[in-house]
Amino acid sequence: MALALPIDSAANDLLNRDPLARILGMVLDQQIPMEKAFSSPYVLAQRLGHDLDAGELAGYDPEQLIAVFAQPPALHRFPKAMAARVQEVCQVIVDRYDGDAAGLWTGVTDGRELFDRIAGLPGFGKQKAQIFLALLGKRFDVRPQGWQEAAGGYGDPDAYRSVADVTDGESLRRVREYKQQMKAAAKAKAAG
C-alpha cells in the first residue's frame, strides 16, 4: 500500500518514503486543496536542498522559515502561520520521539493510543487526528488493534471521506463530493 495522490510522482515518492513528509502534509491540509498540502513537503525539501529533518525544522530561524514558506509559489495560503505550526509539530517530534517522525506510531499498543499520540500534535483536533490515523492504517499498514474504531468513520474501508481514501482521480472526485455534502449540511444546519 502507498499514497497515490494526483500530484507530482516525486512528491508521492517522498510521502511514501518519509514519515515526516506525511505528517507535514497533514499539518498543511487545511484551507487549501489536499493536492497542494501534500505536495508542499516535497517543495519544502527542494527549497531546503535536502531531505526533511524534524530537528532542523524545529530549530530553523522562524523568520527564515517563513520566507521559505512564502517564496512563490507559497507552500500554503497562510505561510507565516503554517511555518510556525510546522516548527511546533517538529519540536514535539524532537522532544517526544527523538526526531524520528515514525516514532509517532512505532510501538503503540492500540488504536486509542495512536489516536492520542496524533491528537497530541499541535493543530491536530479530533477530526484531523482521525483522518491521519485512517491514512496510516489504509495506506501505510499501521494497524494496531482497534485502529479503525479510533479513526471513526474515516476508518471505514468503504469510505470516501478524506485523503486516506484517495487512490486515483475517481476516488478524489468522490472524496470532494462527500466534503461538499458535509459543508452544505453544516451550512443548512447553521441557517436553520
N, C-alpha and C. Protein backbone atom coordinates (compact mmCIF):
# COMPACT_ATOMS: atom_id res chain seq x y z
N MET A 1 0.84 -1.18 0.00
CA MET A 1 0.00 0.00 0.00
C MET A 1 0.87 1.24 0.00
N ALA A 2 0.30 2.30 -0.51
CA ALA A 2 1.03 3.56 -0.55
C ALA A 2 0.03 4.67 -0.87
N LEU A 3 0.53 5.87 -0.75
CA LEU A 3 -0.27 7.02 -1.12
C LEU A 3 -0.12 7.25 -2.61
N ALA A 4 -1.21 7.52 -3.29
CA ALA A 4 -1.18 7.77 -4.73
C ALA A 4 -2.09 8.95 -5.05
N LEU A 5 -1.64 10.12 -4.63
CA LEU A 5 -2.41 11.33 -4.89
C LEU A 5 -2.14 11.83 -6.30
N PRO A 6 -3.07 12.58 -6.88
CA PRO A 6 -2.84 13.13 -8.21
C PRO A 6 -1.93 14.36 -8.14
N ILE A 7 -0.66 14.10 -7.75
CA ILE A 7 0.36 15.13 -7.65
C ILE A 7 1.62 14.60 -8.33
N ASP A 8 2.64 15.43 -8.41
CA ASP A 8 3.92 15.04 -9.00
C ASP A 8 4.38 13.71 -8.40
N SER A 9 4.87 12.82 -9.24
CA SER A 9 5.27 11.49 -8.76
C SER A 9 6.40 11.58 -7.74
N ALA A 10 7.27 12.56 -7.87
CA ALA A 10 8.35 12.73 -6.89
C ALA A 10 7.78 13.14 -5.52
N ALA A 11 6.71 13.92 -5.53
CA ALA A 11 6.06 14.30 -4.26
C ALA A 11 5.41 13.08 -3.62
N ASN A 12 4.74 12.24 -4.42
CA ASN A 12 4.19 10.99 -3.90
C ASN A 12 5.29 10.10 -3.35
N ASP A 13 6.40 9.99 -4.06
CA ASP A 13 7.51 9.16 -3.60
C ASP A 13 8.01 9.63 -2.24
N LEU A 14 8.14 10.95 -2.07
CA LEU A 14 8.59 11.47 -0.78
C LEU A 14 7.61 11.11 0.32
N LEU A 15 6.33 11.29 0.08
CA LEU A 15 5.31 10.96 1.08
C LEU A 15 5.37 9.48 1.45
N ASN A 16 5.64 8.64 0.48
CA ASN A 16 5.66 7.20 0.73
C ASN A 16 6.91 6.73 1.45
N ARG A 17 8.01 7.47 1.32
CA ARG A 17 9.24 7.02 1.98
C ARG A 17 9.60 7.80 3.24
N ASP A 18 8.99 8.97 3.42
CA ASP A 18 9.38 9.84 4.53
C ASP A 18 8.21 10.11 5.47
N PRO A 19 8.22 9.51 6.66
CA PRO A 19 7.13 9.73 7.62
C PRO A 19 6.93 11.20 7.98
N LEU A 20 8.02 11.98 8.05
CA LEU A 20 7.87 13.39 8.37
C LEU A 20 7.11 14.13 7.27
N ALA A 21 7.38 13.79 6.02
CA ALA A 21 6.66 14.43 4.91
C ALA A 21 5.16 14.15 5.03
N ARG A 22 4.81 12.92 5.40
CA ARG A 22 3.40 12.56 5.59
C ARG A 22 2.75 13.42 6.67
N ILE A 23 3.44 13.55 7.79
CA ILE A 23 2.90 14.34 8.90
C ILE A 23 2.75 15.80 8.48
N LEU A 24 3.78 16.34 7.82
CA LEU A 24 3.71 17.74 7.41
C LEU A 24 2.63 17.97 6.36
N GLY A 25 2.43 17.02 5.46
CA GLY A 25 1.32 17.13 4.52
C GLY A 25 -0.01 17.26 5.25
N MET A 26 -0.17 16.45 6.30
CA MET A 26 -1.41 16.51 7.08
C MET A 26 -1.50 17.83 7.85
N VAL A 27 -0.38 18.32 8.37
CA VAL A 27 -0.37 19.61 9.05
C VAL A 27 -0.89 20.70 8.12
N LEU A 28 -0.42 20.67 6.87
CA LEU A 28 -0.76 21.72 5.91
C LEU A 28 -2.14 21.54 5.28
N ASP A 29 -2.77 20.40 5.51
CA ASP A 29 -4.05 20.09 4.87
C ASP A 29 -5.20 20.79 5.59
N GLN A 30 -5.25 22.08 5.41
CA GLN A 30 -6.38 22.87 5.89
C GLN A 30 -6.46 24.15 5.09
N GLN A 31 -7.64 24.44 4.63
CA GLN A 31 -7.95 25.65 3.88
C GLN A 31 -7.19 25.78 2.56
N ILE A 32 -6.68 24.66 2.07
CA ILE A 32 -6.10 24.60 0.73
C ILE A 32 -6.43 23.22 0.17
N PRO A 33 -6.38 23.04 -1.14
CA PRO A 33 -6.64 21.71 -1.70
C PRO A 33 -5.63 20.68 -1.17
N MET A 34 -6.11 19.45 -0.98
CA MET A 34 -5.23 18.42 -0.43
C MET A 34 -4.01 18.18 -1.32
N GLU A 35 -4.17 18.33 -2.63
CA GLU A 35 -3.03 18.14 -3.52
C GLU A 35 -1.92 19.14 -3.21
N LYS A 36 -2.30 20.37 -2.94
CA LYS A 36 -1.32 21.41 -2.58
C LYS A 36 -0.68 21.07 -1.24
N ALA A 37 -1.50 20.70 -0.27
CA ALA A 37 -0.98 20.40 1.07
C ALA A 37 0.03 19.26 1.04
N PHE A 38 -0.30 18.20 0.31
CA PHE A 38 0.56 17.02 0.34
C PHE A 38 1.71 17.08 -0.67
N SER A 39 1.70 18.06 -1.57
CA SER A 39 2.88 18.25 -2.43
C SER A 39 3.84 19.26 -1.81
N SER A 40 3.38 20.06 -0.86
CA SER A 40 4.23 21.08 -0.25
C SER A 40 5.44 20.52 0.51
N PRO A 41 5.36 19.35 1.18
CA PRO A 41 6.58 18.82 1.79
C PRO A 41 7.70 18.58 0.77
N TYR A 42 7.33 18.15 -0.42
CA TYR A 42 8.32 17.93 -1.48
C TYR A 42 8.94 19.27 -1.90
N VAL A 43 8.10 20.27 -2.08
CA VAL A 43 8.59 21.59 -2.46
C VAL A 43 9.48 22.15 -1.35
N LEU A 44 9.09 21.94 -0.10
CA LEU A 44 9.91 22.39 1.03
C LEU A 44 11.28 21.72 1.00
N ALA A 45 11.31 20.42 0.78
CA ALA A 45 12.59 19.70 0.70
C ALA A 45 13.45 20.24 -0.45
N GLN A 46 12.82 20.53 -1.58
CA GLN A 46 13.56 21.11 -2.71
C GLN A 46 14.16 22.45 -2.33
N ARG A 47 13.38 23.28 -1.66
CA ARG A 47 13.86 24.61 -1.28
C ARG A 47 14.98 24.53 -0.26
N LEU A 48 14.91 23.53 0.62
CA LEU A 48 15.97 23.35 1.62
C LEU A 48 17.21 22.71 1.00
N GLY A 49 17.01 21.98 -0.10
CA GLY A 49 18.12 21.35 -0.79
C GLY A 49 18.47 19.96 -0.29
N HIS A 50 17.61 19.39 0.55
CA HIS A 50 17.86 18.05 1.10
C HIS A 50 16.59 17.51 1.75
N ASP A 51 16.66 16.25 2.20
CA ASP A 51 15.51 15.63 2.85
C ASP A 51 15.10 16.42 4.09
N LEU A 52 13.86 16.26 4.46
CA LEU A 52 13.31 16.94 5.63
C LEU A 52 13.89 16.33 6.90
N ASP A 53 14.09 17.19 7.90
CA ASP A 53 14.64 16.76 9.17
C ASP A 53 13.90 17.52 10.28
N ALA A 54 13.27 16.78 11.18
CA ALA A 54 12.48 17.42 12.24
C ALA A 54 13.32 18.33 13.12
N GLY A 55 14.52 17.89 13.46
CA GLY A 55 15.39 18.71 14.30
C GLY A 55 15.78 20.01 13.63
N GLU A 56 16.11 19.93 12.35
CA GLU A 56 16.47 21.14 11.61
C GLU A 56 15.29 22.10 11.54
N LEU A 57 14.10 21.57 11.20
CA LEU A 57 12.93 22.44 11.07
C LEU A 57 12.53 23.04 12.41
N ALA A 58 12.62 22.26 13.49
CA ALA A 58 12.27 22.78 14.81
C ALA A 58 13.19 23.93 15.20
N GLY A 59 14.46 23.84 14.83
CA GLY A 59 15.44 24.85 15.20
C GLY A 59 15.68 25.94 14.17
N TYR A 60 14.96 25.88 13.07
CA TYR A 60 15.15 26.85 11.99
C TYR A 60 14.80 28.25 12.48
N ASP A 61 15.52 29.25 12.02
CA ASP A 61 15.16 30.62 12.35
C ASP A 61 13.74 30.88 11.84
N PRO A 62 12.83 31.27 12.74
CA PRO A 62 11.42 31.42 12.33
C PRO A 62 11.21 32.36 11.15
N GLU A 63 11.89 33.47 11.12
CA GLU A 63 11.70 34.43 10.01
C GLU A 63 12.20 33.84 8.70
N GLN A 64 13.30 33.10 8.75
CA GLN A 64 13.82 32.48 7.54
C GLN A 64 12.89 31.37 7.05
N LEU A 65 12.30 30.62 7.98
CA LEU A 65 11.37 29.57 7.57
C LEU A 65 10.11 30.18 6.95
N ILE A 66 9.65 31.29 7.51
CA ILE A 66 8.50 31.98 6.91
C ILE A 66 8.84 32.39 5.48
N ALA A 67 10.05 32.88 5.28
CA ALA A 67 10.47 33.28 3.93
C ALA A 67 10.49 32.08 2.98
N VAL A 68 10.93 30.93 3.47
CA VAL A 68 10.93 29.71 2.65
C VAL A 68 9.48 29.34 2.29
N PHE A 69 8.57 29.43 3.26
CA PHE A 69 7.17 29.10 3.02
C PHE A 69 6.50 30.10 2.10
N ALA A 70 6.89 31.37 2.18
CA ALA A 70 6.23 32.43 1.42
C ALA A 70 6.77 32.57 0.00
N GLN A 71 7.95 32.02 -0.26
CA GLN A 71 8.55 32.13 -1.60
C GLN A 71 7.56 31.62 -2.65
N PRO A 72 7.33 32.41 -3.71
CA PRO A 72 6.36 31.97 -4.73
C PRO A 72 6.79 30.69 -5.44
N PRO A 73 5.88 29.80 -5.68
CA PRO A 73 4.53 29.78 -5.11
C PRO A 73 4.58 29.37 -3.64
N ALA A 74 3.84 30.10 -2.82
CA ALA A 74 3.82 29.84 -1.38
C ALA A 74 3.39 28.41 -1.10
N LEU A 75 3.95 27.84 -0.04
CA LEU A 75 3.62 26.46 0.33
C LEU A 75 2.21 26.34 0.90
N HIS A 76 1.66 27.45 1.35
CA HIS A 76 0.31 27.46 1.94
C HIS A 76 -0.22 28.87 1.82
N ARG A 77 -1.51 29.02 1.83
CA ARG A 77 -2.08 30.37 1.72
C ARG A 77 -1.82 31.21 2.96
N PHE A 78 -1.43 30.56 4.08
CA PHE A 78 -1.05 31.26 5.30
C PHE A 78 0.39 30.86 5.67
N PRO A 79 1.38 31.36 4.92
CA PRO A 79 2.75 30.88 5.12
C PRO A 79 3.31 31.14 6.52
N LYS A 80 3.00 32.28 7.10
CA LYS A 80 3.54 32.60 8.43
C LYS A 80 2.98 31.64 9.48
N ALA A 81 1.67 31.48 9.50
CA ALA A 81 1.04 30.60 10.49
C ALA A 81 1.46 29.15 10.30
N MET A 82 1.55 28.71 9.05
CA MET A 82 1.86 27.30 8.82
C MET A 82 3.34 27.00 9.01
N ALA A 83 4.21 27.95 8.76
CA ALA A 83 5.62 27.75 9.08
C ALA A 83 5.78 27.57 10.59
N ALA A 84 5.07 28.39 11.35
CA ALA A 84 5.12 28.26 12.81
C ALA A 84 4.54 26.93 13.26
N ARG A 85 3.44 26.49 12.65
CA ARG A 85 2.83 25.21 13.02
C ARG A 85 3.76 24.05 12.71
N VAL A 86 4.41 24.09 11.55
CA VAL A 86 5.38 23.05 11.20
C VAL A 86 6.49 23.00 12.24
N GLN A 87 6.97 24.16 12.67
CA GLN A 87 8.02 24.17 13.69
C GLN A 87 7.52 23.57 15.00
N GLU A 88 6.30 23.90 15.39
CA GLU A 88 5.74 23.35 16.63
C GLU A 88 5.62 21.83 16.56
N VAL A 89 5.12 21.33 15.45
CA VAL A 89 4.97 19.88 15.28
C VAL A 89 6.34 19.21 15.29
N CYS A 90 7.29 19.79 14.58
CA CYS A 90 8.63 19.21 14.55
C CYS A 90 9.27 19.22 15.94
N GLN A 91 9.00 20.26 16.73
CA GLN A 91 9.56 20.30 18.09
C GLN A 91 8.99 19.17 18.94
N VAL A 92 7.71 18.87 18.79
CA VAL A 92 7.10 17.75 19.50
C VAL A 92 7.75 16.43 19.06
N ILE A 93 8.00 16.29 17.77
CA ILE A 93 8.64 15.07 17.26
C ILE A 93 10.05 14.93 17.84
N VAL A 94 10.75 16.04 17.94
CA VAL A 94 12.09 16.02 18.54
C VAL A 94 12.00 15.66 20.02
N ASP A 95 11.11 16.33 20.74
CA ASP A 95 11.01 16.15 22.19
C ASP A 95 10.51 14.77 22.59
N ARG A 96 9.50 14.27 21.88
CA ARG A 96 8.87 13.01 22.29
C ARG A 96 9.41 11.77 21.58
N TYR A 97 9.94 11.95 20.35
CA TYR A 97 10.31 10.79 19.54
C TYR A 97 11.73 10.89 19.00
N ASP A 98 12.58 11.65 19.67
CA ASP A 98 13.99 11.79 19.27
C ASP A 98 14.16 12.21 17.82
N GLY A 99 13.23 12.98 17.31
CA GLY A 99 13.32 13.46 15.94
C GLY A 99 12.88 12.47 14.89
N ASP A 100 12.45 11.28 15.32
CA ASP A 100 12.01 10.23 14.38
C ASP A 100 10.50 10.32 14.21
N ALA A 101 10.05 10.82 13.07
CA ALA A 101 8.62 11.01 12.85
C ALA A 101 7.84 9.70 12.96
N ALA A 102 8.43 8.59 12.53
CA ALA A 102 7.76 7.29 12.62
C ALA A 102 7.58 6.86 14.08
N GLY A 103 8.31 7.47 14.99
CA GLY A 103 8.14 7.19 16.40
C GLY A 103 6.73 7.51 16.88
N LEU A 104 6.05 8.36 16.14
CA LEU A 104 4.66 8.70 16.48
C LEU A 104 3.79 7.45 16.54
N TRP A 105 4.06 6.49 15.65
CA TRP A 105 3.23 5.29 15.62
C TRP A 105 3.98 4.01 15.99
N THR A 106 5.28 4.07 16.09
CA THR A 106 6.06 2.88 16.43
C THR A 106 5.79 2.47 17.88
N GLY A 107 5.48 1.20 18.06
CA GLY A 107 5.32 0.66 19.40
C GLY A 107 4.01 0.98 20.10
N VAL A 108 3.04 1.54 19.40
CA VAL A 108 1.76 1.79 20.06
C VAL A 108 1.06 0.46 20.34
N THR A 109 0.31 0.41 21.42
CA THR A 109 -0.35 -0.84 21.81
C THR A 109 -1.71 -1.01 21.17
N ASP A 110 -2.38 0.11 20.85
CA ASP A 110 -3.70 0.01 20.24
C ASP A 110 -4.07 1.30 19.53
N GLY A 111 -5.20 1.27 18.86
CA GLY A 111 -5.65 2.42 18.09
C GLY A 111 -5.90 3.65 18.93
N ARG A 112 -6.37 3.46 20.14
CA ARG A 112 -6.64 4.61 21.02
C ARG A 112 -5.34 5.33 21.38
N GLU A 113 -4.30 4.54 21.67
CA GLU A 113 -3.00 5.16 21.98
C GLU A 113 -2.48 5.93 20.77
N LEU A 114 -2.61 5.35 19.59
CA LEU A 114 -2.16 6.04 18.39
C LEU A 114 -2.97 7.32 18.17
N PHE A 115 -4.27 7.23 18.34
CA PHE A 115 -5.10 8.43 18.22
C PHE A 115 -4.63 9.51 19.20
N ASP A 116 -4.39 9.12 20.45
CA ASP A 116 -3.96 10.09 21.46
C ASP A 116 -2.62 10.72 21.11
N ARG A 117 -1.70 9.93 20.56
CA ARG A 117 -0.41 10.48 20.15
C ARG A 117 -0.59 11.50 19.02
N ILE A 118 -1.39 11.14 18.04
CA ILE A 118 -1.62 12.04 16.91
C ILE A 118 -2.32 13.31 17.39
N ALA A 119 -3.35 13.13 18.21
CA ALA A 119 -4.11 14.28 18.72
C ALA A 119 -3.25 15.18 19.61
N GLY A 120 -2.14 14.66 20.08
CA GLY A 120 -1.22 15.45 20.89
C GLY A 120 -0.32 16.37 20.08
N LEU A 121 -0.39 16.27 18.76
CA LEU A 121 0.40 17.17 17.91
C LEU A 121 -0.31 18.52 17.80
N PRO A 122 0.44 19.61 17.79
CA PRO A 122 -0.18 20.93 17.63
C PRO A 122 -1.02 21.00 16.36
N GLY A 123 -2.26 21.50 16.51
CA GLY A 123 -3.13 21.67 15.37
C GLY A 123 -3.93 20.45 14.97
N PHE A 124 -3.76 19.34 15.68
CA PHE A 124 -4.48 18.11 15.35
C PHE A 124 -5.64 17.93 16.33
N GLY A 125 -6.81 18.40 15.91
CA GLY A 125 -8.01 18.15 16.68
C GLY A 125 -8.51 16.73 16.41
N LYS A 126 -9.68 16.42 16.90
CA LYS A 126 -10.22 15.07 16.77
C LYS A 126 -10.32 14.63 15.30
N GLN A 127 -10.93 15.46 14.46
CA GLN A 127 -11.13 15.07 13.07
C GLN A 127 -9.81 14.88 12.32
N LYS A 128 -8.89 15.81 12.48
CA LYS A 128 -7.60 15.69 11.79
C LYS A 128 -6.85 14.47 12.29
N ALA A 129 -6.91 14.20 13.58
CA ALA A 129 -6.24 13.02 14.15
C ALA A 129 -6.86 11.73 13.59
N GLN A 130 -8.18 11.71 13.48
CA GLN A 130 -8.84 10.52 12.93
C GLN A 130 -8.48 10.32 11.45
N ILE A 131 -8.42 11.40 10.71
CA ILE A 131 -8.06 11.30 9.29
C ILE A 131 -6.63 10.77 9.15
N PHE A 132 -5.71 11.31 9.94
CA PHE A 132 -4.32 10.85 9.83
C PHE A 132 -4.19 9.40 10.28
N LEU A 133 -4.91 9.02 11.31
CA LEU A 133 -4.90 7.62 11.75
C LEU A 133 -5.42 6.72 10.62
N ALA A 134 -6.49 7.14 9.96
CA ALA A 134 -7.02 6.36 8.83
C ALA A 134 -6.01 6.31 7.68
N LEU A 135 -5.34 7.41 7.43
CA LEU A 135 -4.31 7.44 6.38
C LEU A 135 -3.21 6.42 6.69
N LEU A 136 -2.75 6.41 7.93
CA LEU A 136 -1.71 5.45 8.32
C LEU A 136 -2.19 4.01 8.17
N GLY A 137 -3.43 3.75 8.60
CA GLY A 137 -3.96 2.39 8.52
C GLY A 137 -4.24 1.94 7.10
N LYS A 138 -4.88 2.79 6.32
CA LYS A 138 -5.31 2.40 4.98
C LYS A 138 -4.17 2.40 3.96
N ARG A 139 -3.25 3.32 4.06
CA ARG A 139 -2.22 3.47 3.04
C ARG A 139 -0.83 2.99 3.47
N PHE A 140 -0.59 2.87 4.79
CA PHE A 140 0.76 2.53 5.25
C PHE A 140 0.79 1.35 6.21
N ASP A 141 -0.31 0.63 6.29
CA ASP A 141 -0.38 -0.61 7.07
C ASP A 141 0.00 -0.43 8.54
N VAL A 142 -0.23 0.75 9.09
CA VAL A 142 -0.05 0.98 10.52
C VAL A 142 -1.41 0.69 11.14
N ARG A 143 -1.55 -0.54 11.67
CA ARG A 143 -2.87 -1.02 12.08
C ARG A 143 -2.85 -1.68 13.46
N PRO A 144 -2.60 -0.91 14.49
CA PRO A 144 -2.70 -1.52 15.82
C PRO A 144 -4.15 -1.92 16.09
N GLN A 145 -4.34 -2.84 16.99
CA GLN A 145 -5.69 -3.30 17.33
C GLN A 145 -6.58 -2.10 17.63
N GLY A 146 -7.77 -2.08 17.02
CA GLY A 146 -8.75 -1.02 17.26
C GLY A 146 -8.49 0.27 16.48
N TRP A 147 -7.62 0.21 15.49
CA TRP A 147 -7.32 1.45 14.75
C TRP A 147 -8.53 1.98 14.00
N GLN A 148 -9.34 1.08 13.42
CA GLN A 148 -10.49 1.56 12.65
C GLN A 148 -11.51 2.25 13.55
N GLU A 149 -11.74 1.69 14.72
CA GLU A 149 -12.67 2.31 15.66
C GLU A 149 -12.15 3.68 16.10
N ALA A 150 -10.85 3.76 16.38
CA ALA A 150 -10.26 5.03 16.81
C ALA A 150 -10.32 6.08 15.71
N ALA A 151 -10.29 5.63 14.45
CA ALA A 151 -10.37 6.55 13.31
C ALA A 151 -11.80 6.99 13.02
N GLY A 152 -12.77 6.43 13.73
CA GLY A 152 -14.16 6.79 13.50
C GLY A 152 -14.59 6.43 12.08
N GLY A 153 -15.47 7.21 11.51
CA GLY A 153 -15.95 6.94 10.15
C GLY A 153 -14.85 6.97 9.11
N TYR A 154 -13.74 7.63 9.41
CA TYR A 154 -12.63 7.69 8.45
C TYR A 154 -11.93 6.34 8.32
N GLY A 155 -12.13 5.46 9.29
CA GLY A 155 -11.54 4.13 9.23
C GLY A 155 -12.35 3.13 8.43
N ASP A 156 -13.56 3.50 8.05
CA ASP A 156 -14.43 2.62 7.26
C ASP A 156 -13.74 2.28 5.94
N PRO A 157 -13.59 0.98 5.65
CA PRO A 157 -12.87 0.61 4.43
C PRO A 157 -13.57 1.03 3.14
N ASP A 158 -14.86 1.29 3.20
CA ASP A 158 -15.61 1.68 2.00
C ASP A 158 -15.88 3.18 1.92
N ALA A 159 -15.23 3.94 2.80
CA ALA A 159 -15.48 5.38 2.86
C ALA A 159 -14.74 6.13 1.76
N TYR A 160 -15.30 7.27 1.41
CA TYR A 160 -14.64 8.24 0.54
C TYR A 160 -14.80 9.59 1.22
N ARG A 161 -14.03 9.78 2.29
CA ARG A 161 -14.21 10.95 3.14
C ARG A 161 -12.99 11.85 3.24
N SER A 162 -11.80 11.32 2.97
CA SER A 162 -10.59 12.10 3.25
C SER A 162 -9.44 11.65 2.37
N VAL A 163 -8.30 12.27 2.59
CA VAL A 163 -7.08 11.91 1.86
C VAL A 163 -6.75 10.42 2.05
N ALA A 164 -7.18 9.84 3.14
CA ALA A 164 -6.92 8.41 3.39
C ALA A 164 -7.58 7.52 2.35
N ASP A 165 -8.58 8.04 1.65
CA ASP A 165 -9.35 7.25 0.70
C ASP A 165 -9.01 7.55 -0.76
N VAL A 166 -8.05 8.45 -0.99
CA VAL A 166 -7.71 8.83 -2.36
C VAL A 166 -6.65 7.89 -2.92
N THR A 167 -7.02 7.23 -4.01
CA THR A 167 -6.08 6.33 -4.70
C THR A 167 -5.95 6.67 -6.18
N ASP A 168 -6.87 7.51 -6.67
CA ASP A 168 -6.86 7.88 -8.09
C ASP A 168 -7.82 9.06 -8.29
N GLY A 169 -7.97 9.47 -9.52
CA GLY A 169 -8.84 10.60 -9.83
C GLY A 169 -10.29 10.38 -9.44
N GLU A 170 -10.80 9.18 -9.65
CA GLU A 170 -12.19 8.87 -9.31
C GLU A 170 -12.43 8.93 -7.80
N SER A 171 -11.52 8.36 -7.03
CA SER A 171 -11.70 8.40 -5.57
C SER A 171 -11.56 9.83 -5.05
N LEU A 172 -10.69 10.64 -5.67
CA LEU A 172 -10.58 12.04 -5.30
C LEU A 172 -11.90 12.76 -5.56
N ARG A 173 -12.53 12.48 -6.70
CA ARG A 173 -13.83 13.08 -7.02
C ARG A 173 -14.85 12.72 -5.96
N ARG A 174 -14.87 11.46 -5.55
CA ARG A 174 -15.85 11.01 -4.55
C ARG A 174 -15.59 11.65 -3.19
N VAL A 175 -14.33 11.81 -2.82
CA VAL A 175 -14.00 12.49 -1.56
C VAL A 175 -14.45 13.94 -1.62
N ARG A 176 -14.21 14.59 -2.74
CA ARG A 176 -14.63 16.00 -2.88
C ARG A 176 -16.16 16.13 -2.79
N GLU A 177 -16.88 15.20 -3.41
CA GLU A 177 -18.35 15.21 -3.31
C GLU A 177 -18.79 15.07 -1.86
N TYR A 178 -18.17 14.16 -1.14
CA TYR A 178 -18.51 13.96 0.27
C TYR A 178 -18.28 15.25 1.06
N LYS A 179 -17.13 15.89 0.85
CA LYS A 179 -16.81 17.12 1.57
C LYS A 179 -17.81 18.23 1.23
N GLN A 180 -18.21 18.32 -0.02
CA GLN A 180 -19.20 19.33 -0.41
C GLN A 180 -20.54 19.07 0.27
N GLN A 181 -20.93 17.79 0.35
CA GLN A 181 -22.18 17.44 1.03
C GLN A 181 -22.12 17.82 2.51
N MET A 182 -20.98 17.57 3.15
CA MET A 182 -20.83 17.90 4.57
C MET A 182 -20.88 19.41 4.79
N LYS A 183 -20.24 20.18 3.91
CA LYS A 183 -20.28 21.64 4.03
C LYS A 183 -21.70 22.15 3.84
N ALA A 184 -22.42 21.61 2.86
CA ALA A 184 -23.80 22.03 2.61
C ALA A 184 -24.68 21.70 3.82
N ALA A 185 -24.49 20.53 4.39
CA ALA A 185 -25.29 20.13 5.56
C ALA A 185 -24.99 21.04 6.74
N ALA A 186 -23.74 21.36 6.96
CA ALA A 186 -23.37 22.26 8.07
C ALA A 186 -23.94 23.65 7.86
N LYS A 187 -23.90 24.12 6.61
CA LYS A 187 -24.45 25.44 6.29
C LYS A 187 -25.96 25.47 6.52
N ALA A 188 -26.63 24.40 6.09
CA ALA A 188 -28.08 24.33 6.28
C ALA A 188 -28.44 24.26 7.76
N LYS A 189 -27.65 23.53 8.51
CA LYS A 189 -27.90 23.41 9.96
C LYS A 189 -27.71 24.75 10.64
N ALA A 190 -26.65 25.47 10.25
CA ALA A 190 -26.39 26.78 10.84
C ALA A 190 -27.48 27.79 10.49
N ALA A 191 -28.02 27.68 9.29
CA ALA A 191 -29.07 28.60 8.84
C ALA A 191 -30.43 28.26 9.44
N GLY A 192 -30.61 26.98 9.79
CA GLY A 192 -31.93 26.51 10.15
C GLY A 192 -32.27 26.61 11.56
